[in-house]
Amino acid sequence: MTIHRGEIYFVNLNPVKGREQAGPRPVLVLSIDAINELPLVVTVVVGTKGENISRNFPTNVRVSPEDSGLPLETIFLCFQIRSLDPKRFPGKPAGKLSEDELERIEVVVRHCLGL
């Protein structure tokens, strides 16, 4: 299985600690394909249902179903970045972001990391 940058997968994030996002969640692949092809880890931004967060924050990006391919509006929590073992990922992505939407996420991730 090949995992690509910009794809969205539903991944079970358990086990977790403290305030980490838990359970099955949409995750957006941020790591570059050259890294994703190695048997290491895949770096992602964790998402949640849009209805869970009523207002917009500078650390989040709200993405419509039309732009993600997911059934619901999704908010990507750009301060919730994780590196996951590829074995956590199902065989097929649930959605994919366009280059423009991916760039919006990148800007906010850089803000969250002070880059």
N, C-alpha and C. Protein backbone atom coordinates (compact mmCIF):
# COMPACT_ATOMS: atom_id res chain seq x y z
N MET A 1 0.84 -1.18 0.00
CA MET A 1 0.00 0.00 0.00
C MET A 1 0.88 1.24 0.00
N THR A 2 0.53 2.22 -0.81
CA THR A 2 1.26 3.47 -0.86
C THR A 2 0.38 4.59 -0.31
N ILE A 3 0.91 5.31 0.64
CA ILE A 3 0.23 6.44 1.25
C ILE A 3 0.82 7.71 0.66
N HIS A 4 -0.06 8.64 0.24
CA HIS A 4 0.40 9.86 -0.43
C HIS A 4 0.04 11.11 0.35
N ARG A 5 0.91 12.09 0.23
CA ARG A 5 0.69 13.41 0.82
C ARG A 5 -0.64 13.97 0.29
N GLY A 6 -1.43 14.56 1.20
CA GLY A 6 -2.70 15.15 0.82
C GLY A 6 -3.88 14.21 0.93
N GLU A 7 -3.63 12.91 1.11
CA GLU A 7 -4.72 11.96 1.28
C GLU A 7 -5.24 12.01 2.71
N ILE A 8 -6.51 11.64 2.86
CA ILE A 8 -7.16 11.61 4.17
C ILE A 8 -7.60 10.17 4.43
N TYR A 9 -7.25 9.68 5.61
CA TYR A 9 -7.60 8.34 6.04
C TYR A 9 -8.33 8.40 7.36
N PHE A 10 -9.22 7.43 7.62
CA PHE A 10 -9.78 7.26 8.95
C PHE A 10 -8.89 6.26 9.68
N VAL A 11 -8.28 6.71 10.77
CA VAL A 11 -7.31 5.93 11.52
C VAL A 11 -7.71 5.91 12.99
N ASN A 12 -7.56 4.78 13.63
CA ASN A 12 -7.80 4.69 15.07
C ASN A 12 -6.56 5.19 15.79
N LEU A 13 -6.69 6.28 16.55
CA LEU A 13 -5.55 6.90 17.21
C LEU A 13 -5.28 6.36 18.62
N ASN A 14 -6.08 5.41 19.07
CA ASN A 14 -5.84 4.84 20.40
C ASN A 14 -4.62 3.94 20.35
N PRO A 15 -3.85 3.84 21.39
CA PRO A 15 -4.02 4.47 22.70
C PRO A 15 -3.50 5.91 22.68
N VAL A 16 -4.05 6.72 23.57
CA VAL A 16 -3.66 8.12 23.68
C VAL A 16 -3.43 8.46 25.14
N LYS A 17 -2.92 9.65 25.36
CA LYS A 17 -2.72 10.19 26.71
C LYS A 17 -3.30 11.60 26.75
N GLY A 18 -3.84 11.97 27.89
CA GLY A 18 -4.27 13.34 28.14
C GLY A 18 -5.19 13.90 27.09
N ARG A 19 -4.82 15.04 26.52
CA ARG A 19 -5.67 15.79 25.61
C ARG A 19 -5.48 15.43 24.13
N GLU A 20 -4.76 14.35 23.86
CA GLU A 20 -4.61 13.91 22.48
C GLU A 20 -5.97 13.46 21.94
N GLN A 21 -6.18 13.66 20.67
CA GLN A 21 -7.41 13.20 20.02
C GLN A 21 -7.42 11.68 20.02
N ALA A 22 -8.57 11.10 20.35
CA ALA A 22 -8.66 9.65 20.52
C ALA A 22 -9.63 9.03 19.53
N GLY A 23 -9.53 7.71 19.40
CA GLY A 23 -10.48 6.94 18.60
C GLY A 23 -10.28 7.11 17.12
N PRO A 24 -11.25 6.61 16.34
CA PRO A 24 -11.17 6.74 14.88
C PRO A 24 -11.35 8.21 14.47
N ARG A 25 -10.42 8.70 13.71
CA ARG A 25 -10.43 10.10 13.27
C ARG A 25 -9.94 10.20 11.84
N PRO A 26 -10.40 11.25 11.14
CA PRO A 26 -9.77 11.53 9.85
C PRO A 26 -8.40 12.16 10.10
N VAL A 27 -7.42 11.69 9.37
CA VAL A 27 -6.08 12.28 9.45
C VAL A 27 -5.63 12.63 8.04
N LEU A 28 -5.00 13.79 7.93
CA LEU A 28 -4.47 14.28 6.66
C LEU A 28 -2.98 14.02 6.61
N VAL A 29 -2.52 13.35 5.58
CA VAL A 29 -1.10 13.03 5.43
C VAL A 29 -0.33 14.28 5.02
N LEU A 30 0.64 14.68 5.86
CA LEU A 30 1.48 15.85 5.60
C LEU A 30 2.86 15.47 5.10
N SER A 31 3.38 14.34 5.54
CA SER A 31 4.74 13.97 5.17
C SER A 31 4.86 13.76 3.65
N ILE A 32 6.06 14.02 3.15
CA ILE A 32 6.28 13.92 1.71
C ILE A 32 6.29 12.45 1.28
N ASP A 33 5.97 12.22 0.01
CA ASP A 33 5.86 10.85 -0.49
C ASP A 33 7.16 10.07 -0.36
N ALA A 34 8.31 10.74 -0.48
CA ALA A 34 9.60 10.04 -0.34
C ALA A 34 9.72 9.42 1.04
N ILE A 35 9.19 10.08 2.06
CA ILE A 35 9.20 9.52 3.42
C ILE A 35 8.11 8.47 3.57
N ASN A 36 6.95 8.73 2.99
CA ASN A 36 5.82 7.80 3.11
C ASN A 36 6.13 6.44 2.48
N GLU A 37 7.03 6.41 1.51
CA GLU A 37 7.39 5.15 0.84
C GLU A 37 8.34 4.30 1.67
N LEU A 38 8.95 4.89 2.70
CA LEU A 38 9.87 4.14 3.56
C LEU A 38 9.06 3.42 4.64
N PRO A 39 9.60 2.36 5.18
CA PRO A 39 8.86 1.66 6.25
C PRO A 39 9.10 2.32 7.61
N LEU A 40 8.84 3.62 7.70
CA LEU A 40 9.07 4.35 8.94
C LEU A 40 7.74 4.78 9.53
N VAL A 41 7.47 6.08 9.51
CA VAL A 41 6.21 6.62 10.01
C VAL A 41 5.66 7.61 9.00
N VAL A 42 4.36 7.90 9.14
CA VAL A 42 3.66 8.87 8.30
C VAL A 42 3.21 10.00 9.21
N THR A 43 3.55 11.23 8.85
CA THR A 43 3.19 12.39 9.68
C THR A 43 1.86 12.95 9.19
N VAL A 44 0.95 13.18 10.16
CA VAL A 44 -0.41 13.59 9.84
C VAL A 44 -0.86 14.75 10.71
N VAL A 45 -1.93 15.41 10.26
CA VAL A 45 -2.68 16.36 11.07
C VAL A 45 -4.02 15.69 11.35
N VAL A 46 -4.46 15.76 12.60
CA VAL A 46 -5.68 15.10 13.04
C VAL A 46 -6.88 16.00 12.77
N GLY A 47 -7.98 15.37 12.34
CA GLY A 47 -9.22 16.11 12.10
C GLY A 47 -10.31 15.72 13.07
N THR A 48 -11.37 16.54 13.09
CA THR A 48 -12.55 16.27 13.88
C THR A 48 -13.77 16.78 13.12
N LYS A 49 -14.96 16.37 13.53
CA LYS A 49 -16.19 16.83 12.88
C LYS A 49 -16.32 18.33 13.04
N GLY A 50 -16.74 18.99 11.97
CA GLY A 50 -16.94 20.43 12.02
C GLY A 50 -17.93 20.86 13.08
N GLU A 51 -18.94 20.04 13.33
CA GLU A 51 -19.97 20.38 14.32
C GLU A 51 -19.41 20.40 15.74
N ASN A 52 -18.25 19.77 15.97
CA ASN A 52 -17.65 19.75 17.31
C ASN A 52 -17.04 21.08 17.72
N ILE A 53 -16.75 21.94 16.74
CA ILE A 53 -16.09 23.22 17.03
C ILE A 53 -16.92 24.32 16.37
N SER A 54 -17.59 25.12 17.19
CA SER A 54 -18.55 26.09 16.66
C SER A 54 -17.91 27.34 16.07
N ARG A 55 -16.70 27.70 16.50
CA ARG A 55 -16.07 28.90 15.95
C ARG A 55 -14.70 28.58 15.38
N ASN A 56 -14.20 29.49 14.59
CA ASN A 56 -12.91 29.28 13.95
C ASN A 56 -11.78 29.80 14.84
N PHE A 57 -10.69 29.05 14.87
CA PHE A 57 -9.50 29.43 15.62
C PHE A 57 -8.33 29.50 14.64
N PRO A 58 -7.31 30.30 14.94
CA PRO A 58 -6.17 30.42 14.01
C PRO A 58 -5.33 29.15 13.91
N THR A 59 -5.60 28.16 14.75
CA THR A 59 -4.84 26.90 14.74
C THR A 59 -5.57 25.78 14.00
N ASN A 60 -6.75 26.08 13.47
CA ASN A 60 -7.59 25.07 12.82
C ASN A 60 -7.91 25.49 11.39
N VAL A 61 -8.20 24.49 10.55
CA VAL A 61 -8.66 24.75 9.17
C VAL A 61 -9.93 23.94 8.95
N ARG A 62 -11.00 24.65 8.61
CA ARG A 62 -12.30 24.04 8.33
C ARG A 62 -12.36 23.69 6.84
N VAL A 63 -12.70 22.44 6.53
CA VAL A 63 -12.72 21.97 5.14
C VAL A 63 -14.10 21.37 4.85
N SER A 64 -14.68 21.79 3.74
CA SER A 64 -16.01 21.31 3.35
C SER A 64 -15.93 19.90 2.78
N PRO A 65 -17.06 19.18 2.79
CA PRO A 65 -17.08 17.85 2.17
C PRO A 65 -16.69 17.88 0.69
N GLU A 66 -17.06 18.95 0.02
CA GLU A 66 -16.74 19.07 -1.41
C GLU A 66 -15.23 19.15 -1.64
N ASP A 67 -14.52 19.75 -0.67
CA ASP A 67 -13.08 19.93 -0.82
C ASP A 67 -12.26 18.76 -0.28
N SER A 68 -12.91 17.87 0.50
CA SER A 68 -12.16 16.78 1.12
C SER A 68 -12.54 15.40 0.59
N GLY A 69 -13.78 15.27 0.09
CA GLY A 69 -14.27 13.95 -0.29
C GLY A 69 -14.85 13.18 0.88
N LEU A 70 -14.83 13.78 2.08
CA LEU A 70 -15.40 13.15 3.27
C LEU A 70 -16.89 13.46 3.36
N PRO A 71 -17.65 12.67 4.09
CA PRO A 71 -19.10 12.90 4.15
C PRO A 71 -19.51 14.13 4.96
N LEU A 72 -18.65 14.60 5.87
CA LEU A 72 -18.99 15.73 6.74
C LEU A 72 -17.93 16.81 6.67
N GLU A 73 -18.33 18.03 7.06
CA GLU A 73 -17.35 19.09 7.22
C GLU A 73 -16.33 18.64 8.28
N THR A 74 -15.06 18.90 8.01
CA THR A 74 -13.99 18.46 8.89
C THR A 74 -13.13 19.66 9.27
N ILE A 75 -12.72 19.68 10.53
CA ILE A 75 -11.77 20.69 10.98
C ILE A 75 -10.46 19.98 11.27
N PHE A 76 -9.42 20.42 10.59
CA PHE A 76 -8.10 19.87 10.84
C PHE A 76 -7.42 20.71 11.91
N LEU A 77 -7.04 20.04 12.99
CA LEU A 77 -6.45 20.66 14.17
C LEU A 77 -4.94 20.71 13.94
N CYS A 78 -4.47 21.81 13.39
CA CYS A 78 -3.08 21.89 12.93
C CYS A 78 -2.06 21.90 14.06
N PHE A 79 -2.51 21.97 15.30
CA PHE A 79 -1.63 21.84 16.45
C PHE A 79 -1.57 20.38 16.92
N GLN A 80 -2.38 19.52 16.31
CA GLN A 80 -2.41 18.09 16.64
C GLN A 80 -1.71 17.33 15.51
N ILE A 81 -0.39 17.36 15.52
CA ILE A 81 0.42 16.68 14.51
C ILE A 81 0.97 15.41 15.14
N ARG A 82 0.84 14.30 14.42
CA ARG A 82 1.33 13.02 14.93
C ARG A 82 2.04 12.26 13.83
N SER A 83 2.98 11.43 14.25
CA SER A 83 3.62 10.50 13.33
C SER A 83 3.13 9.11 13.68
N LEU A 84 2.58 8.42 12.68
CA LEU A 84 1.91 7.14 12.89
C LEU A 84 2.58 6.03 12.09
N ASP A 85 2.53 4.84 12.63
CA ASP A 85 3.02 3.68 11.90
C ASP A 85 2.09 3.42 10.71
N PRO A 86 2.64 3.12 9.54
CA PRO A 86 1.79 2.87 8.37
C PRO A 86 0.79 1.72 8.57
N LYS A 87 1.06 0.82 9.50
CA LYS A 87 0.14 -0.29 9.75
C LYS A 87 -1.20 0.17 10.31
N ARG A 88 -1.27 1.39 10.84
CA ARG A 88 -2.53 1.93 11.34
C ARG A 88 -3.51 2.29 10.21
N PHE A 89 -2.98 2.49 9.00
CA PHE A 89 -3.78 3.01 7.90
C PHE A 89 -4.54 1.91 7.18
N PRO A 90 -5.82 2.17 6.84
CA PRO A 90 -6.56 1.20 6.03
C PRO A 90 -6.04 1.20 4.59
N GLY A 91 -6.52 0.27 3.81
CA GLY A 91 -6.03 0.10 2.44
C GLY A 91 -6.29 1.26 1.50
N LYS A 92 -7.40 1.98 1.71
CA LYS A 92 -7.76 3.06 0.78
C LYS A 92 -8.02 4.34 1.53
N PRO A 93 -7.66 5.50 0.93
CA PRO A 93 -7.99 6.77 1.56
C PRO A 93 -9.49 7.05 1.49
N ALA A 94 -9.97 7.84 2.44
CA ALA A 94 -11.37 8.24 2.47
C ALA A 94 -11.60 9.52 1.68
N GLY A 95 -10.53 10.26 1.43
CA GLY A 95 -10.64 11.52 0.71
C GLY A 95 -9.26 12.04 0.35
N LYS A 96 -9.25 13.21 -0.28
CA LYS A 96 -7.98 13.83 -0.69
C LYS A 96 -8.22 15.33 -0.82
N LEU A 97 -7.24 16.12 -0.37
CA LEU A 97 -7.34 17.57 -0.51
C LEU A 97 -6.70 18.03 -1.81
N SER A 98 -7.24 19.10 -2.35
CA SER A 98 -6.63 19.75 -3.51
C SER A 98 -5.34 20.44 -3.06
N GLU A 99 -4.52 20.83 -3.99
CA GLU A 99 -3.28 21.56 -3.67
C GLU A 99 -3.59 22.85 -2.91
N ASP A 100 -4.65 23.56 -3.32
CA ASP A 100 -5.01 24.81 -2.64
C ASP A 100 -5.40 24.57 -1.19
N GLU A 101 -6.19 23.54 -0.94
CA GLU A 101 -6.60 23.23 0.44
C GLU A 101 -5.40 22.77 1.25
N LEU A 102 -4.52 21.98 0.65
CA LEU A 102 -3.32 21.52 1.34
C LEU A 102 -2.43 22.71 1.72
N GLU A 103 -2.34 23.68 0.84
CA GLU A 103 -1.55 24.88 1.14
C GLU A 103 -2.14 25.66 2.31
N ARG A 104 -3.47 25.71 2.41
CA ARG A 104 -4.10 26.38 3.57
C ARG A 104 -3.68 25.70 4.87
N ILE A 105 -3.66 24.37 4.86
CA ILE A 105 -3.25 23.61 6.04
C ILE A 105 -1.77 23.88 6.34
N GLU A 106 -0.93 23.88 5.33
CA GLU A 106 0.50 24.10 5.52
C GLU A 106 0.77 25.43 6.20
N VAL A 107 0.06 26.48 5.80
CA VAL A 107 0.25 27.81 6.39
C VAL A 107 -0.05 27.77 7.89
N VAL A 108 -1.14 27.11 8.26
CA VAL A 108 -1.53 27.06 9.66
C VAL A 108 -0.59 26.16 10.46
N VAL A 109 -0.14 25.05 9.87
CA VAL A 109 0.83 24.19 10.55
C VAL A 109 2.12 24.98 10.82
N ARG A 110 2.59 25.71 9.85
CA ARG A 110 3.80 26.54 10.05
C ARG A 110 3.57 27.54 11.18
N HIS A 111 2.38 28.15 11.23
CA HIS A 111 2.05 29.08 12.32
C HIS A 111 2.12 28.36 13.67
N CYS A 112 1.54 27.19 13.75
CA CYS A 112 1.51 26.43 15.02
C CYS A 112 2.91 26.03 15.48
N LEU A 113 3.80 25.80 14.53
CA LEU A 113 5.16 25.37 14.86
C LEU A 113 6.15 26.53 14.93
N GLY A 114 5.68 27.73 14.63
CA GLY A 114 6.58 28.89 14.66
C GLY A 114 7.60 28.89 13.54
N LEU A 115 7.22 28.33 12.38
CA LEU A 115 8.14 28.25 11.23
C LEU A 115 7.90 29.36 10.23
